[in-house]
C-alpha atoms as a PDB file:
ATOM      1  CA  MET A   1     -60.727 -32.916  35.714  1.00  0.00           C
ATOM      2  CA  LEU A   2     -61.709 -36.301  37.113  1.00  0.00           C
ATOM      3  CA  SER A   3     -61.313 -37.434  33.428  1.00  0.00           C
ATOM      4  CA  TYR A   4     -57.551 -36.577  33.290  1.00  0.00           C
ATOM      5  CA  ARG A   5     -55.629 -39.699  34.488  1.00  0.00           C
ATOM      6  CA  HIS A   6     -51.464 -39.002  34.307  1.00  0.00           C
ATOM      7  CA  VAL A   7     -50.623 -42.539  33.532  1.00  0.00           C
ATOM      8  CA  PHE A   8     -51.965 -41.801  30.195  1.00  0.00           C
ATOM      9  CA  HIS A   9     -48.450 -39.693  29.305  1.00  0.00           C
ATOM     10  CA  ALA A  10     -45.922 -41.025  32.319  1.00  0.00           C
ATOM     11  CA  GLY A  11     -42.306 -40.929  31.559  1.00  0.00           C
ATOM     12  CA  ASN A  12     -42.896 -38.889  28.417  1.00  0.00           C
ATOM     13  CA  HIS A  13     -40.628 -36.182  27.476  1.00  0.00           C
ATOM     14  CA  ALA A  14     -42.944 -33.588  29.461  1.00  0.00           C
ATOM     15  CA  ASP A  15     -41.889 -35.855  32.443  1.00  0.00           C
ATOM     16  CA  VAL A  16     -38.433 -35.717  31.660  1.00  0.00           C
ATOM     17  CA  LEU A  17     -38.160 -31.961  31.426  1.00  0.00           C
ATOM     18  CA  LYS A  18     -40.327 -31.662  34.615  1.00  0.00           C
ATOM     19  CA  HIS A  19     -38.726 -34.348  37.054  1.00  0.00           C
ATOM     20  CA  THR A  20     -35.435 -33.266  35.711  1.00  0.00           C
ATOM     21  CA  VAL A  21     -35.831 -29.658  36.949  1.00  0.00           C
ATOM     22  CA  LEU A  22     -37.744 -30.926  40.236  1.00  0.00           C
ATOM     23  CA  LEU A  23     -34.717 -32.949  41.678  1.00  0.00           C
ATOM     24  CA  ALA A  24     -32.539 -30.243  40.353  1.00  0.00           C
ATOM     25  CA  VAL A  25     -34.182 -27.868  42.959  1.00  0.00           C
ATOM     26  CA  LEU A  26     -34.766 -30.449  45.881  1.00  0.00           C
ATOM     27  CA  ASP A  27     -31.003 -31.273  45.778  1.00  0.00           C
ATOM     28  CA  TYR A  28     -30.597 -27.282  45.911  1.00  0.00           C
ATOM     29  CA  LEU A  29     -32.657 -27.050  48.965  1.00  0.00           C
ATOM     30  CA  ASN A  30     -30.579 -30.297  50.437  1.00  0.00           C
ATOM     31  CA  GLN A  31     -27.511 -28.050  50.727  1.00  0.00           C
ATOM     32  CA  LYS A  32     -29.112 -26.008  53.725  1.00  0.00           C
ATOM     33  CA  ASP A  33     -29.048 -27.847  57.077  1.00  0.00           C
ATOM     34  CA  LYS A  34     -32.926 -27.096  57.591  1.00  0.00           C
ATOM     35  CA  PRO A  35     -36.120 -28.651  57.134  1.00  0.00           C
ATOM     36  CA  TYR A  36     -38.154 -27.550  54.229  1.00  0.00           C
ATOM     37  CA  TRP A  37     -41.703 -28.596  52.842  1.00  0.00           C
ATOM     38  CA  VAL A  38     -42.808 -29.582  49.256  1.00  0.00           C
ATOM     39  CA  ILE A  39     -46.188 -28.992  48.602  1.00  0.00           C
ATOM     40  CA  ASP A  40     -47.823 -30.990  45.064  1.00  0.00           C
ATOM     41  CA  THR A  41     -51.174 -29.863  44.102  1.00  0.00           C
ATOM     42  CA  HIS A  42     -51.892 -32.165  41.929  1.00  0.00           C
ATOM     43  CA  ALA A  43     -49.737 -35.271  42.958  1.00  0.00           C
ATOM     44  CA  GLY A  44     -51.321 -38.079  40.683  1.00  0.00           C
ATOM     45  CA  ALA A  45     -50.974 -41.693  41.483  1.00  0.00           C
ATOM     46  CA  GLY A  46     -47.501 -41.256  42.830  1.00  0.00           C
ATOM     47  CA  GLY A  47     -46.108 -44.040  40.665  1.00  0.00           C
ATOM     48  CA  TYR A  48     -47.232 -46.067  37.142  1.00  0.00           C
ATOM     49  CA  VAL A  49     -46.381 -49.171  35.607  1.00  0.00           C
ATOM     50  CA  LEU A  50     -45.567 -48.665  32.110  1.00  0.00           C
ATOM     51  CA  THR A  51     -45.756 -52.322  30.847  1.00  0.00           C
ATOM     52  CA  ALA A  52     -49.625 -52.764  31.696  1.00  0.00           C
ATOM     53  CA  GLY A  53     -52.523 -50.814  30.974  1.00  0.00           C
ATOM     54  CA  ARG A  54     -52.970 -47.513  29.669  1.00  0.00           C
ATOM     55  CA  ALA A  55     -49.309 -46.378  29.962  1.00  0.00           C
ATOM     56  CA  LYS A  56     -48.584 -49.462  27.652  1.00  0.00           C
ATOM     57  CA  THR A  57     -51.592 -48.282  25.364  1.00  0.00           C
ATOM     58  CA  HIS A  58     -50.309 -44.851  25.241  1.00  0.00           C
ATOM     59  CA  ALA A  59     -46.985 -45.944  25.311  1.00  0.00           C
ATOM     60  CA  GLU A  60     -45.255 -42.139  25.463  1.00  0.00           C
ATOM     61  CA  TRP A  61     -42.767 -43.110  27.083  1.00  0.00           C
ATOM     62  CA  PHE A  62     -40.732 -44.604  24.665  1.00  0.00           C
ATOM     63  CA  GLU A  63     -40.251 -41.222  23.179  1.00  0.00           C
ATOM     64  CA  GLY A  64     -39.274 -40.108  26.966  1.00  0.00           C
ATOM     65  CA  ILE A  65     -37.573 -41.700  29.479  1.00  0.00           C
ATOM     66  CA  GLY A  66     -37.242 -44.689  27.546  1.00  0.00           C
ATOM     67  CA  ARG A  67     -34.879 -42.870  25.077  1.00  0.00           C
ATOM     68  CA  LEU A  68     -32.796 -42.255  28.045  1.00  0.00           C
ATOM     69  CA  TRP A  69     -32.602 -45.535  29.805  1.00  0.00           C
ATOM     70  CA  GLN A  70     -29.385 -47.327  27.940  1.00  0.00           C
ATOM     71  CA  ARG A  71     -27.405 -44.210  27.238  1.00  0.00           C
ATOM     72  CA  ALA A  72     -24.337 -43.898  28.982  1.00  0.00           C
ATOM     73  CA  ASP A  73     -23.437 -40.039  27.711  1.00  0.00           C
ATOM     74  CA  LEU A  74     -25.699 -38.265  30.291  1.00  0.00           C
ATOM     75  CA  PRO A  75     -25.194 -34.961  31.563  1.00  0.00           C
ATOM     76  CA  PRO A  76     -25.164 -34.599  35.129  1.00  0.00           C
ATOM     77  CA  LEU A  77     -29.009 -33.293  35.409  1.00  0.00           C
ATOM     78  CA  ILE A  78     -29.964 -36.061  33.535  1.00  0.00           C
ATOM     79  CA  ALA A  79     -28.232 -38.686  34.852  1.00  0.00           C
ATOM     80  CA  ARG A  80     -29.710 -37.516  38.118  1.00  0.00           C
ATOM     81  CA  TYR A  81     -33.307 -38.213  37.204  1.00  0.00           C
ATOM     82  CA  VAL A  82     -32.540 -41.216  35.659  1.00  0.00           C
ATOM     83  CA  ALA A  83     -30.632 -42.542  38.530  1.00  0.00           C
ATOM     84  CA  ALA A  84     -34.025 -41.704  40.310  1.00  0.00           C
ATOM     85  CA  VAL A  85     -35.992 -43.343  37.896  1.00  0.00           C
ATOM     86  CA  ARG A  86     -33.894 -46.713  38.407  1.00  0.00           C
ATOM     87  CA  ALA A  87     -34.657 -46.771  42.117  1.00  0.00           C
ATOM     88  CA  ASP A  88     -38.080 -48.230  40.842  1.00  0.00           C
ATOM     89  CA  ASN A  89     -36.599 -50.253  38.690  1.00  0.00           C
ATOM     90  CA  PRO A  90     -33.665 -52.268  40.588  1.00  0.00           C
ATOM     91  CA  GLU A  91     -33.535 -55.629  38.123  1.00  0.00           C
ATOM     92  CA  GLY A  92     -32.648 -52.800  35.291  1.00  0.00           C
ATOM     93  CA  LYS A  93     -35.344 -53.395  33.015  1.00  0.00           C
ATOM     94  CA  LEU A  94     -37.578 -49.918  32.635  1.00  0.00           C
ATOM     95  CA  LYS A  95     -40.898 -51.474  34.290  1.00  0.00           C
ATOM     96  CA  ARG A  96     -42.038 -48.528  36.452  1.00  0.00           C
ATOM     97  CA  TYR A  97     -42.159 -44.713  36.768  1.00  0.00           C
ATOM     98  CA  PRO A  98     -42.065 -42.567  40.000  1.00  0.00           C
ATOM     99  CA  GLY A  99     -44.330 -39.623  39.343  1.00  0.00           C
ATOM    100  CA  SER A 100     -43.498 -36.218  41.223  1.00  0.00           C
ATOM    101  CA  PRO A 101     -44.502 -37.769  44.688  1.00  0.00           C
ATOM    102  CA  LEU A 102     -42.260 -40.634  44.757  1.00  0.00           C
ATOM    103  CA  LEU A 103     -38.927 -38.657  43.145  1.00  0.00           C
ATOM    104  CA  ALA A 104     -40.075 -36.097  46.086  1.00  0.00           C
ATOM    105  CA  LEU A 105     -39.847 -38.276  49.016  1.00  0.00           C
ATOM    106  CA  ARG A 106     -36.925 -40.013  48.091  1.00  0.00           C
ATOM    107  CA  ALA A 107     -35.007 -36.753  47.357  1.00  0.00           C
ATOM    108  CA  THR A 108     -36.372 -35.458  50.695  1.00  0.00           C
ATOM    109  CA  ARG A 109     -34.792 -36.080  54.074  1.00  0.00           C
ATOM    110  CA  PRO A 110     -36.526 -37.787  57.017  1.00  0.00           C
ATOM    111  CA  MET A 111     -36.767 -33.884  58.681  1.00  0.00           C
ATOM    112  CA  ASP A 112     -38.479 -32.860  55.657  1.00  0.00           C
ATOM    113  CA  ARG A 113     -42.227 -32.962  55.155  1.00  0.00           C
ATOM    114  CA  LEU A 114     -44.940 -33.841  51.827  1.00  0.00           C
ATOM    115  CA  ARG A 115     -48.242 -32.313  51.514  1.00  0.00           C
ATOM    116  CA  LEU A 116     -49.907 -33.856  48.548  1.00  0.00           C
ATOM    117  CA  PHE A 117     -53.239 -32.838  47.100  1.00  0.00           C
ATOM    118  CA  GLU A 118     -55.238 -35.429  44.670  1.00  0.00           C
ATOM    119  CA  LEU A 119     -58.729 -35.149  43.462  1.00  0.00           C
ATOM    120  CA  HIS A 120     -59.299 -37.971  41.543  1.00  0.00           C
ATOM    121  CA  PRO A 121     -60.337 -40.949  44.185  1.00  0.00           C
ATOM    122  CA  ALA A 122     -58.963 -43.728  42.309  1.00  0.00           C
ATOM    123  CA  ASP A 123     -55.350 -41.971  41.900  1.00  0.00           C
ATOM    124  CA  VAL A 124     -55.722 -40.974  45.454  1.00  0.00           C
ATOM    125  CA  LYS A 125     -55.622 -44.894  47.039  1.00  0.00           C
ATOM    126  CA  LEU A 126     -53.197 -45.648  44.251  1.00  0.00           C
ATOM    127  CA  LEU A 127     -51.075 -42.684  45.737  1.00  0.00           C
ATOM    128  CA  ALA A 128     -51.444 -43.829  49.741  1.00  0.00           C
ATOM    129  CA  GLN A 129     -50.443 -47.225  48.820  1.00  0.00           C
ATOM    130  CA  ALA A 130     -47.477 -45.785  46.344  1.00  0.00           C
ATOM    131  CA  ILE A 131     -46.134 -43.539  49.524  1.00  0.00           C
ATOM    132  CA  ALA A 132     -46.643 -46.278  51.999  1.00  0.00           C
ATOM    133  CA  ALA A 133     -44.421 -48.698  50.230  1.00  0.00           C
ATOM    134  CA  ALA A 134     -41.762 -46.474  49.528  1.00  0.00           C
ATOM    135  CA  ALA A 135     -40.919 -45.115  53.028  1.00  0.00           C
ATOM    136  CA  PRO A 136     -41.685 -46.816  56.137  1.00  0.00           C
ATOM    137  CA  ASP A 137     -41.959 -43.341  57.900  1.00  0.00           C
ATOM    138  CA  ALA A 138     -44.299 -42.144  55.171  1.00  0.00           C
ATOM    139  CA  GLN A 139     -46.904 -41.411  58.063  1.00  0.00           C
ATOM    140  CA  LYS A 140     -44.829 -39.257  59.604  1.00  0.00           C
ATOM    141  CA  ARG A 141     -43.839 -37.097  56.982  1.00  0.00           C
ATOM    142  CA  VAL A 142     -46.359 -37.100  54.099  1.00  0.00           C
ATOM    143  CA  GLN A 143     -49.936 -36.127  54.327  1.00  0.00           C
ATOM    144  CA  ILE A 144     -52.271 -36.830  51.474  1.00  0.00           C
ATOM    145  CA  ARG A 145     -55.514 -34.917  50.892  1.00  0.00           C
ATOM    146  CA  GLN A 146     -58.462 -35.862  48.400  1.00  0.00           C
ATOM    147  CA  GLU A 147     -58.622 -32.001  47.379  1.00  0.00           C
ATOM    148  CA  ASP A 148     -58.350 -29.518  44.542  1.00  0.00           C
ATOM    149  CA  GLY A 149     -55.036 -28.691  45.467  1.00  0.00           C
ATOM    150  CA  PHE A 150     -55.590 -25.008  44.194  1.00  0.00           C
ATOM    151  CA  ALA A 151     -58.158 -24.669  47.078  1.00  0.00           C
ATOM    152  CA  GLY A 152     -56.302 -26.380  49.706  1.00  0.00           C
ATOM    153  CA  LEU A 153     -52.611 -24.809  48.939  1.00  0.00           C
ATOM    154  CA  LYS A 154     -54.124 -21.338  50.878  1.00  0.00           C
ATOM    155  CA  ALA A 155     -54.663 -23.609  54.352  1.00  0.00           C
ATOM    156  CA  LEU A 156     -50.543 -24.950  53.729  1.00  0.00           C
ATOM    157  CA  LEU A 157     -48.779 -21.491  53.142  1.00  0.00           C
ATOM    158  CA  PRO A 158     -46.483 -20.470  54.726  1.00  0.00           C
ATOM    159  CA  PRO A 159     -44.738 -23.605  56.006  1.00  0.00           C
ATOM    160  CA  PRO A 160     -44.092 -23.769  59.025  1.00  0.00           C
ATOM    161  CA  PRO A 161     -40.313 -23.836  58.395  1.00  0.00           C
ATOM    162  CA  ARG A 162     -40.224 -21.266  56.179  1.00  0.00           C
ATOM    163  CA  ARG A 163     -38.863 -23.050  53.489  1.00  0.00           C
ATOM    164  CA  GLY A 164     -40.571 -25.084  50.707  1.00  0.00           C
ATOM    165  CA  LEU A 165     -40.716 -26.057  47.116  1.00  0.00           C
ATOM    166  CA  VAL A 166     -44.695 -25.844  45.817  1.00  0.00           C
ATOM    167  CA  LEU A 167     -45.270 -27.556  42.801  1.00  0.00           C
ATOM    168  CA  ILE A 168     -48.185 -26.945  40.632  1.00  0.00           C
ATOM    169  CA  ASP A 169     -49.032 -29.068  37.757  1.00  0.00           C
ATOM    170  CA  PRO A 170     -52.770 -29.631  36.722  1.00  0.00           C
ATOM    171  CA  SER A 171     -53.927 -31.144  33.580  1.00  0.00           C
ATOM    172  CA  TYR A 172     -54.833 -27.845  31.631  1.00  0.00           C
ATOM    173  CA  GLU A 173     -57.659 -30.053  29.872  1.00  0.00           C
ATOM    174  CA  ASP A 174     -59.859 -27.295  31.218  1.00  0.00           C
ATOM    175  CA  LYS A 175     -58.659 -23.952  30.388  1.00  0.00           C
ATOM    176  CA  ARG A 176     -59.739 -22.152  33.495  1.00  0.00           C
ATOM    177  CA  ASP A 177     -56.624 -24.184  35.074  1.00  0.00           C
ATOM    178  CA  TYR A 178     -54.425 -21.604  33.552  1.00  0.00           C
ATOM    179  CA  ALA A 179     -56.039 -18.452  35.252  1.00  0.00           C
ATOM    180  CA  ALA A 180     -55.871 -20.975  38.721  1.00  0.00           C
ATOM    181  CA  VAL A 181     -52.473 -21.318  38.048  1.00  0.00           C
ATOM    182  CA  VAL A 182     -51.430 -17.523  37.680  1.00  0.00           C
ATOM    183  CA  THR A 183     -53.960 -17.013  40.965  1.00  0.00           C
ATOM    184  CA  ALA A 184     -52.439 -19.894  42.855  1.00  0.00           C
ATOM    185  CA  VAL A 185     -48.525 -18.178  42.604  1.00  0.00           C
ATOM    186  CA  LYS A 186     -49.915 -14.619  42.918  1.00  0.00           C
ATOM    187  CA  GLU A 187     -51.707 -15.466  46.249  1.00  0.00           C
ATOM    188  CA  GLY A 188     -48.956 -18.257  47.433  1.00  0.00           C
ATOM    189  CA  LEU A 189     -46.651 -15.370  47.033  1.00  0.00           C
ATOM    190  CA  GLN A 190     -48.811 -12.797  49.508  1.00  0.00           C
ATOM    191  CA  ARG A 191     -48.328 -15.629  52.186  1.00  0.00           C
ATOM    192  CA  PHE A 192     -44.877 -17.398  51.290  1.00  0.00           C
ATOM    193  CA  ALA A 193     -42.557 -14.681  49.665  1.00  0.00           C
ATOM    194  CA  ASN A 194     -39.357 -16.661  49.735  1.00  0.00           C
ATOM    195  CA  GLY A 195     -40.498 -20.010  48.922  1.00  0.00           C
ATOM    196  CA  THR A 196     -40.173 -21.685  45.654  1.00  0.00           C
ATOM    197  CA  PHE A 197     -42.834 -22.206  43.102  1.00  0.00           C
ATOM    198  CA  MET A 198     -42.727 -24.559  40.236  1.00  0.00           C
ATOM    199  CA  VAL A 199     -45.636 -24.325  37.397  1.00  0.00           C
ATOM    200  CA  TRP A 200     -45.244 -27.313  34.926  1.00  0.00           C
ATOM    201  CA  TYR A 201     -47.279 -26.041  31.802  1.00  0.00           C
ATOM    202  CA  PRO A 202     -48.117 -27.635  28.453  1.00  0.00           C
ATOM    203  CA  LEU A 203     -46.664 -25.879  25.331  1.00  0.00           C
ATOM    204  CA  LEU A 204     -50.101 -25.644  22.888  1.00  0.00           C
ATOM    205  CA  GLN A 205     -50.885 -23.556  20.056  1.00  0.00           C
ATOM    206  CA  LYS A 206     -54.042 -21.831  22.529  1.00  0.00           C
ATOM    207  CA  ASN A 207     -53.372 -18.281  23.629  1.00  0.00           C
ATOM    208  CA  GLU A 208     -53.835 -19.371  27.317  1.00  0.00           C
ATOM    209  CA  SER A 209     -50.869 -21.422  26.725  1.00  0.00           C
ATOM    210  CA  ILE A 210     -48.639 -18.794  24.833  1.00  0.00           C
ATOM    211  CA  GLN A 211     -49.704 -16.347  27.006  1.00  0.00           C
ATOM    212  CA  LEU A 212     -48.851 -18.193  30.892  1.00  0.00           C
ATOM    213  CA  ALA A 213     -45.023 -17.615  31.361  1.00  0.00           C
ATOM    214  CA  GLY A 214     -45.671 -14.045  30.150  1.00  0.00           C
ATOM    215  CA  LYS A 215     -48.146 -13.645  32.950  1.00  0.00           C
ATOM    216  CA  LEU A 216     -46.382 -15.442  35.440  1.00  0.00           C
ATOM    217  CA  LYS A 217     -42.992 -13.080  35.204  1.00  0.00           C
ATOM    218  CA  LYS A 218     -44.771 -10.238  36.000  1.00  0.00           C
ATOM    219  CA  LEU A 219     -45.432 -11.783  39.640  1.00  0.00           C
ATOM    220  CA  ALA A 220     -42.004 -11.816  41.165  1.00  0.00           C
ATOM    221  CA  PRO A 221     -38.915 -10.114  40.531  1.00  0.00           C
ATOM    222  CA  GLU A 222     -36.814 -13.470  40.334  1.00  0.00           C
ATOM    223  CA  TRP A 223     -37.894 -16.147  37.747  1.00  0.00           C
ATOM    224  CA  LEU A 224     -36.671 -18.690  35.756  1.00  0.00           C
ATOM    225  CA  ASN A 225     -38.876 -20.071  32.116  1.00  0.00           C
ATOM    226  CA  ALA A 226     -37.329 -23.290  30.804  1.00  0.00           C
ATOM    227  CA  THR A 227     -38.982 -24.613  27.553  1.00  0.00           C
ATOM    228  CA  LEU A 228     -38.360 -27.853  25.747  1.00  0.00           C
ATOM    229  CA  THR A 229     -39.883 -28.402  22.469  1.00  0.00           C
ATOM    230  CA  VAL A 230     -39.366 -31.765  20.635  1.00  0.00           C
ATOM    231  CA  GLN A 231     -41.627 -31.261  17.442  1.00  0.00           C
ATOM    232  CA  PRO A 232     -42.935 -28.586  15.585  1.00  0.00           C
ATOM    233  CA  PRO A 233     -46.390 -27.185  16.054  1.00  0.00           C
ATOM    234  CA  SER A 234     -48.888 -29.265  13.887  1.00  0.00           C
ATOM    235  CA  SER A 235     -50.368 -27.873  10.712  1.00  0.00           C
ATOM    236  CA  ASP A 236     -53.978 -28.476  12.379  1.00  0.00           C
ATOM    237  CA  GLY A 237     -53.214 -26.589  15.779  1.00  0.00           C
ATOM    238  CA  LEU A 238     -53.687 -29.342  17.481  1.00  0.00           C
ATOM    239  CA  GLY A 239     -51.460 -31.423  20.081  1.00  0.00           C
ATOM    240  CA  MET A 240     -48.770 -30.489  22.738  1.00  0.00           C
ATOM    241  CA  HIS A 241     -45.409 -29.851  20.646  1.00  0.00           C
ATOM    242  CA  GLY A 242     -43.443 -29.283  23.925  1.00  0.00           C
ATOM    243  CA  SER A 243     -43.685 -28.060  27.042  1.00  0.00           C
ATOM    244  CA  GLY A 244     -42.200 -25.545  29.869  1.00  0.00           C
ATOM    245  CA  VAL A 245     -41.062 -25.161  33.772  1.00  0.00           C
ATOM    246  CA  PHE A 246     -41.701 -21.780  35.218  1.00  0.00           C
ATOM    247  CA  LEU A 247     -40.102 -21.158  38.429  1.00  0.00           C
ATOM    248  CA  VAL A 248     -40.400 -18.273  41.149  1.00  0.00           C
ATOM    249  CA  ASN A 249     -37.487 -17.905  43.907  1.00  0.00           C
ATOM    250  CA  PRO A 250     -35.057 -20.379  41.731  1.00  0.00           C
ATOM    251  CA  PRO A 251     -32.204 -21.760  42.520  1.00  0.00           C
ATOM    252  CA  TRP A 252     -29.227 -19.314  41.518  1.00  0.00           C
ATOM    253  CA  THR A 253     -27.338 -22.180  39.795  1.00  0.00           C
ATOM    254  CA  LEU A 254     -30.374 -23.493  37.753  1.00  0.00           C
ATOM    255  CA  ALA A 255     -30.223 -21.499  34.582  1.00  0.00           C
ATOM    256  CA  ALA A 256     -26.693 -22.321  33.900  1.00  0.00           C
ATOM    257  CA  ALA A 257     -27.151 -26.008  34.658  1.00  0.00           C
ATOM    258  CA  LEU A 258     -30.024 -25.961  32.275  1.00  0.00           C
ATOM    259  CA  LYS A 259     -28.224 -24.278  29.425  1.00  0.00           C
ATOM    260  CA  ASP A 260     -25.618 -27.189  29.439  1.00  0.00           C
ATOM    261  CA  THR A 261     -28.246 -29.931  29.501  1.00  0.00           C
ATOM    262  CA  LEU A 262     -31.174 -29.059  27.594  1.00  0.00           C
ATOM    263  CA  PRO A 263     -29.220 -28.471  23.714  1.00  0.00           C
ATOM    264  CA  TRP A 264     -28.637 -32.106  24.588  1.00  0.00           C
ATOM    265  CA  LEU A 265     -32.089 -32.981  25.476  1.00  0.00           C
ATOM    266  CA  ALA A 266     -33.639 -31.637  22.678  1.00  0.00           C
ATOM    267  CA  GLU A 267     -31.382 -33.352  20.084  1.00  0.00           C
ATOM    268  CA  VAL A 268     -32.200 -36.635  22.131  1.00  0.00           C
ATOM    269  CA  LEU A 269     -35.896 -36.214  22.212  1.00  0.00           C
ATOM    270  CA  LYS A 270     -36.865 -34.607  18.679  1.00  0.00           C
ATOM    271  CA  VAL A 271     -39.746 -36.705  17.028  1.00  0.00           C
ATOM    272  CA  GLY A 272     -38.536 -38.399  14.164  1.00  0.00           C
ATOM    273  CA  ALA A 273     -35.136 -38.729  12.455  1.00  0.00           C
ATOM    274  CA  GLY A 274     -35.444 -36.040  10.444  1.00  0.00           C
ATOM    275  CA  GLY A 275     -37.202 -33.723  13.238  1.00  0.00           C
ATOM    276  CA  THR A 276     -36.433 -30.688  14.289  1.00  0.00           C
ATOM    277  CA  ALA A 277     -36.419 -29.792  18.474  1.00  0.00           C
ATOM    278  CA  ALA A 278     -35.552 -26.066  20.827  1.00  0.00           C
ATOM    279  CA  TRP A 279     -34.920 -24.952  24.002  1.00  0.00           C
ATOM    280  CA  THR A 280     -34.875 -21.889  25.925  1.00  0.00           C
ATOM    281  CA  VAL A 281     -33.507 -21.080  29.097  1.00  0.00           C
ATOM    282  CA  GLU A 282     -34.772 -17.312  30.434  1.00  0.00           C
ATOM    283  CA  ALA A 283     -34.271 -15.780  33.586  1.00  0.00           C
ATOM    284  CA  SER A 284     -34.877 -12.614  35.289  1.00  0.00           C
ATOM    285  CA  GLY A 285     -32.193  -9.835  35.410  1.00  0.00           C
ATOM    286  CA  SER A 286     -30.404 -11.658  32.496  1.00  0.00           C
END
């Protein structure tokens, strides 16, 4: 939806989970000396200023990346993530937050390619500026399309190198996004059966959210589902109490790494001094 801007939520607990997993997947893909593509269906603005405008007003990052910034006891996956955010903040003070496109651009190699979709006209311009500023070879490696990522994805699969990650991260403000996610993964696997598909989703007290992971599990034999809950569901049934990441064809090492990481992360990011938090990691065949 064009009313949605990710700047409202940049750097929050959901971004911490999503971007930690994203970097783990990309680092795994980098272990093989063959190129791959990263396709981001809802890329956003690329990067966000946390100290001004809407990010400062909403300030959700205080309870996300802000809680991790000065810690010295970070688990390896979280240390990797925080180091990637530090690349946007060379002076050491947390002022900027890189979105998925910038994190992917910096994590990938010169032979890899990015294909980024963003429908919002203002964010498309900001995305192009952020990519151009971040990499001198951006024109060669990255293509940005002002288009609905659900519709545009079909034409890109399978990518020429037959290796790749498809990141699907809509706003879910329109409940039709849930069905669109399932369709995108189902049709994507028909074209790119060995590709890695990564879906971020909110944990809400809505049937669409509750049922999404179950529907995705039916689409492929190899999957992983990880969730992070930072507070109990609200009594009025409103608001997001956590988020999840679902992967088809995940790295075989990821489930164990997340089981080592998420207990620590849940404790650090839980809302309120006496708050409660939870985590889950499920994987096919386990």
